[in-house]
């Protein structure tokens, strides 16, 4: 008794939101026009990165999900979303991303910026 995880409990992949922010911080400059502190802005970004926002944007932009630890962590986080959020994300993922639309239009699979 009391040994092991509760029934139905799924352990999270070994990734922390702080790791995600550590990787992304150089791409996220402070937005002085928002009139909030850098710490508050960082907290807002962590909140958005751990909810439905990031999953929606990644799909819309056509970013492959992958099977690495951060991708597994993102998918694991989605288990805790409200049912309506999960339904919306499922509906969104059923649509073609902007990247796929552009690739179809220009007739290439791999786009690069020069």
Foldseek 3Di string as FASTA:
>chain_A
DPPDDDPPDDDAQPDDLVVVCVVCVVVDDDDVVVVDDPVVVSVVVSVCQLELNVLLVCQQQVPDLDDDRVSRRNVVSHVPYPPVSVVVSVVSNVDHHPLRVVCVVVVHDDDDDD
